[in-house]
Amino acid sequence: MNNLEKTLSIIKPDAVERNLQEEIKKNFIDNGFEIKNEKKIQISKSEAEEFYKVHQSKPFYAELCNYLSSGPIVVMVLEKNNAVIDNRKLMGATDPTKADEGTLRKKYGISIDKNSVHGSDSIENAKIEINFFFKS
């Protein structure tokens, strides 16, 4: 059954700062993802606030927005069957100390805040997030 999906992936400032983009992209490709679109950008704090507005009520919201806008990021549209779920599995738990071996956050994450990658958590959010960075 063909269940081709797109999802958004962000290589966060901590990983870009450590120059891990190519290594992380290779992990996606090795796991069957096709990178359909990508760009390296730096977003403003207000753009980060808009992007993360689903988390507005959470205590970590301000810190999250400060962090995402603190340096360059690489945003990518990934495509494969079951892209959203498979990307979530590949990323691992938000807290790198709790992430499974072999996951991106276990390999590259520094802390729960600086966990190197973001991925859409649903097909609906993937569409919204992709449109946020790649307005059609």
C-alpha atoms as a PDB file:
ATOM      1  CA  MET A   1       0.000   0.000   0.000  1.00  0.00           C
ATOM      2  CA  ASN A   2       1.349   3.375  -0.989  1.00  0.00           C
ATOM      3  CA  ASN A   3       1.155   5.849   1.884  1.00  0.00           C
ATOM      4  CA  LEU A   4       3.506   8.521   0.561  1.00  0.00           C
ATOM      5  CA  GLU A   5       3.694  11.435   2.995  1.00  0.00           C
ATOM      6  CA  LYS A   6       5.722  14.581   3.473  1.00  0.00           C
ATOM      7  CA  THR A   7       6.992  15.806   6.824  1.00  0.00           C
ATOM      8  CA  LEU A   8       8.996  18.773   7.967  1.00  0.00           C
ATOM      9  CA  SER A   9      12.375  18.304   9.566  1.00  0.00           C
ATOM     10  CA  ILE A  10      14.496  21.011  11.133  1.00  0.00           C
ATOM     11  CA  ILE A  11      18.159  20.610  11.939  1.00  0.00           C
ATOM     12  CA  LYS A  12      18.322  22.919  14.942  1.00  0.00           C
ATOM     13  CA  PRO A  13      20.948  25.556  15.803  1.00  0.00           C
ATOM     14  CA  ASP A  14      23.016  23.286  18.086  1.00  0.00           C
ATOM     15  CA  ALA A  15      23.514  20.733  15.296  1.00  0.00           C
ATOM     16  CA  VAL A  16      24.193  23.354  12.603  1.00  0.00           C
ATOM     17  CA  GLU A  17      26.709  25.006  14.927  1.00  0.00           C
ATOM     18  CA  ARG A  18      28.510  21.648  15.220  1.00  0.00           C
ATOM     19  CA  ASN A  19      28.310  21.246  11.420  1.00  0.00           C
ATOM     20  CA  LEU A  20      26.239  18.043  11.575  1.00  0.00           C
ATOM     21  CA  GLN A  21      23.854  18.856   8.691  1.00  0.00           C
ATOM     22  CA  GLU A  22      25.360  16.454   6.137  1.00  0.00           C
ATOM     23  CA  GLU A  23      25.643  13.631   8.667  1.00  0.00           C
ATOM     24  CA  ILE A  24      22.018  14.086   9.766  1.00  0.00           C
ATOM     25  CA  LYS A  25      20.800  14.312   6.144  1.00  0.00           C
ATOM     26  CA  LYS A  26      22.661  11.059   5.396  1.00  0.00           C
ATOM     27  CA  ASN A  27      20.717   9.398   8.253  1.00  0.00           C
ATOM     28  CA  PHE A  28      17.444  10.437   6.603  1.00  0.00           C
ATOM     29  CA  ILE A  29      18.525   9.176   3.170  1.00  0.00           C
ATOM     30  CA  ASP A  30      19.847   5.903   4.653  1.00  0.00           C
ATOM     31  CA  ASN A  31      16.416   5.427   6.259  1.00  0.00           C
ATOM     32  CA  GLY A  32      14.559   5.760   2.964  1.00  0.00           C
ATOM     33  CA  PHE A  33      13.599   9.438   3.101  1.00  0.00           C
ATOM     34  CA  GLU A  34      13.869  11.616   0.031  1.00  0.00           C
ATOM     35  CA  ILE A  35      14.794  15.256   0.717  1.00  0.00           C
ATOM     36  CA  LYS A  36      12.326  17.099  -1.536  1.00  0.00           C
ATOM     37  CA  ASN A  37      13.292  20.615  -0.547  1.00  0.00           C
ATOM     38  CA  GLU A  38      15.764  22.209   1.842  1.00  0.00           C
ATOM     39  CA  LYS A  39      17.225  25.537   2.805  1.00  0.00           C
ATOM     40  CA  LYS A  40      19.484  26.984   5.456  1.00  0.00           C
ATOM     41  CA  ILE A  41      17.953  30.042   7.082  1.00  0.00           C
ATOM     42  CA  GLN A  42      17.920  32.038  10.278  1.00  0.00           C
ATOM     43  CA  ILE A  43      14.513  32.978  11.629  1.00  0.00           C
ATOM     44  CA  SER A  44      13.583  35.853  13.899  1.00  0.00           C
ATOM     45  CA  LYS A  45      12.205  35.390  17.395  1.00  0.00           C
ATOM     46  CA  SER A  46       8.753  36.472  16.179  1.00  0.00           C
ATOM     47  CA  GLU A  47       8.876  33.842  13.397  1.00  0.00           C
ATOM     48  CA  ALA A  48       9.861  31.207  15.975  1.00  0.00           C
ATOM     49  CA  GLU A  49       6.949  32.318  18.175  1.00  0.00           C
ATOM     50  CA  GLU A  50       4.598  31.942  15.223  1.00  0.00           C
ATOM     51  CA  PHE A  51       6.043  28.514  14.311  1.00  0.00           C
ATOM     52  CA  TYR A  52       5.771  27.183  17.893  1.00  0.00           C
ATOM     53  CA  LYS A  53       2.455  28.859  18.748  1.00  0.00           C
ATOM     54  CA  VAL A  54       0.910  25.421  19.451  1.00  0.00           C
ATOM     55  CA  HIS A  55       3.173  25.376  22.536  1.00  0.00           C
ATOM     56  CA  GLN A  56       2.270  28.923  23.648  1.00  0.00           C
ATOM     57  CA  SER A  57       0.756  27.814  26.950  1.00  0.00           C
ATOM     58  CA  LYS A  58       3.697  25.589  27.918  1.00  0.00           C
ATOM     59  CA  PRO A  59       6.358  26.764  30.380  1.00  0.00           C
ATOM     60  CA  PHE A  60       9.189  26.109  27.921  1.00  0.00           C
ATOM     61  CA  TYR A  61       7.654  28.216  25.089  1.00  0.00           C
ATOM     62  CA  ALA A  62       9.818  31.364  25.439  1.00  0.00           C
ATOM     63  CA  GLU A  63      13.020  29.345  25.775  1.00  0.00           C
ATOM     64  CA  LEU A  64      12.100  27.231  22.744  1.00  0.00           C
ATOM     65  CA  CYS A  65      11.505  30.344  20.612  1.00  0.00           C
ATOM     66  CA  ASN A  66      14.741  31.989  21.796  1.00  0.00           C
ATOM     67  CA  TYR A  67      16.640  28.819  20.980  1.00  0.00           C
ATOM     68  CA  LEU A  68      15.192  28.206  17.482  1.00  0.00           C
ATOM     69  CA  SER A  69      16.002  31.796  16.509  1.00  0.00           C
ATOM     70  CA  SER A  70      19.496  31.732  18.089  1.00  0.00           C
ATOM     71  CA  GLY A  71      21.362  30.602  14.972  1.00  0.00           C
ATOM     72  CA  PRO A  72      21.036  29.145  11.475  1.00  0.00           C
ATOM     73  CA  ILE A  73      18.762  26.146  10.964  1.00  0.00           C
ATOM     74  CA  VAL A  74      18.255  23.770   8.051  1.00  0.00           C
ATOM     75  CA  VAL A  75      14.613  23.163   7.165  1.00  0.00           C
ATOM     76  CA  MET A  76      13.750  20.205   4.955  1.00  0.00           C
ATOM     77  CA  VAL A  77      10.732  18.547   3.419  1.00  0.00           C
ATOM     78  CA  LEU A  78      11.173  14.791   3.727  1.00  0.00           C
ATOM     79  CA  GLU A  79       9.088  12.309   1.770  1.00  0.00           C
ATOM     80  CA  LYS A  80       8.495   8.568   2.050  1.00  0.00           C
ATOM     81  CA  ASN A  81       5.768   6.131   2.997  1.00  0.00           C
ATOM     82  CA  ASN A  82       4.641   6.906   6.569  1.00  0.00           C
ATOM     83  CA  ALA A  83       7.104   9.817   6.714  1.00  0.00           C
ATOM     84  CA  VAL A  84       5.637  11.418   9.855  1.00  0.00           C
ATOM     85  CA  ILE A  85       5.760   8.300  12.053  1.00  0.00           C
ATOM     86  CA  ASP A  86       9.058   7.068  10.621  1.00  0.00           C
ATOM     87  CA  ASN A  87      10.696  10.463  11.210  1.00  0.00           C
ATOM     88  CA  ARG A  88       9.426  10.516  14.813  1.00  0.00           C
ATOM     89  CA  LYS A  89      10.962   7.053  15.348  1.00  0.00           C
ATOM     90  CA  LEU A  90      14.243   8.081  13.738  1.00  0.00           C
ATOM     91  CA  MET A  91      14.465  11.251  15.860  1.00  0.00           C
ATOM     92  CA  GLY A  92      13.832   9.459  19.163  1.00  0.00           C
ATOM     93  CA  ALA A  93      12.544  10.866  22.446  1.00  0.00           C
ATOM     94  CA  THR A  94      12.691  14.634  23.045  1.00  0.00           C
ATOM     95  CA  ASP A  95      15.113  14.048  25.914  1.00  0.00           C
ATOM     96  CA  PRO A  96      18.314  12.599  24.385  1.00  0.00           C
ATOM     97  CA  THR A  97      19.089  10.716  27.629  1.00  0.00           C
ATOM     98  CA  LYS A  98      15.800   8.802  27.178  1.00  0.00           C
ATOM     99  CA  ALA A  99      16.086   8.345  23.400  1.00  0.00           C
ATOM    100  CA  ASP A 100      16.741   4.862  22.004  1.00  0.00           C
ATOM    101  CA  GLU A 101      20.222   3.954  20.755  1.00  0.00           C
ATOM    102  CA  GLY A 102      20.736   4.833  17.118  1.00  0.00           C
ATOM    103  CA  THR A 103      18.179   7.644  17.069  1.00  0.00           C
ATOM    104  CA  LEU A 104      19.215  11.124  15.949  1.00  0.00           C
ATOM    105  CA  ARG A 105      18.614  12.694  19.346  1.00  0.00           C
ATOM    106  CA  LYS A 106      20.590   9.965  21.115  1.00  0.00           C
ATOM    107  CA  LYS A 107      23.493  10.430  18.691  1.00  0.00           C
ATOM    108  CA  TYR A 108      23.498  14.223  18.388  1.00  0.00           C
ATOM    109  CA  GLY A 109      21.280  15.770  21.061  1.00  0.00           C
ATOM    110  CA  ILE A 110      22.943  17.724  23.867  1.00  0.00           C
ATOM    111  CA  SER A 111      19.942  18.254  26.152  1.00  0.00           C
ATOM    112  CA  ILE A 112      16.148  18.238  26.197  1.00  0.00           C
ATOM    113  CA  ASP A 113      16.269  21.791  24.774  1.00  0.00           C
ATOM    114  CA  LYS A 114      19.196  21.321  22.402  1.00  0.00           C
ATOM    115  CA  ASN A 115      18.038  18.025  20.913  1.00  0.00           C
ATOM    116  CA  SER A 116      19.347  18.741  17.384  1.00  0.00           C
ATOM    117  CA  VAL A 117      16.225  17.976  15.325  1.00  0.00           C
ATOM    118  CA  HIS A 118      12.535  18.801  15.031  1.00  0.00           C
ATOM    119  CA  GLY A 119       9.946  16.787  13.131  1.00  0.00           C
ATOM    120  CA  SER A 120       6.240  17.241  12.541  1.00  0.00           C
ATOM    121  CA  ASP A 121       4.064  15.273  14.961  1.00  0.00           C
ATOM    122  CA  SER A 122       1.107  14.643  12.630  1.00  0.00           C
ATOM    123  CA  ILE A 123       0.178  14.753   8.960  1.00  0.00           C
ATOM    124  CA  GLU A 124      -1.938  17.872   9.621  1.00  0.00           C
ATOM    125  CA  ASN A 125       0.916  19.677  11.391  1.00  0.00           C
ATOM    126  CA  ALA A 126       3.364  18.568   8.683  1.00  0.00           C
ATOM    127  CA  LYS A 127       1.255  20.424   6.091  1.00  0.00           C
ATOM    128  CA  ILE A 128       1.120  23.557   8.277  1.00  0.00           C
ATOM    129  CA  GLU A 129       4.843  23.430   9.105  1.00  0.00           C
ATOM    130  CA  ILE A 130       5.936  22.793   5.513  1.00  0.00           C
ATOM    131  CA  ASN A 131       3.789  25.713   4.371  1.00  0.00           C
ATOM    132  CA  PHE A 132       5.326  27.899   7.102  1.00  0.00           C
ATOM    133  CA  PHE A 133       8.821  27.512   5.626  1.00  0.00           C
ATOM    134  CA  PHE A 134       8.034  26.674   1.986  1.00  0.00           C
ATOM    135  CA  LYS A 135       5.046  28.819   1.088  1.00  0.00           C
ATOM    136  CA  SER A 136       3.614  27.440  -2.110  1.00  0.00           C
END
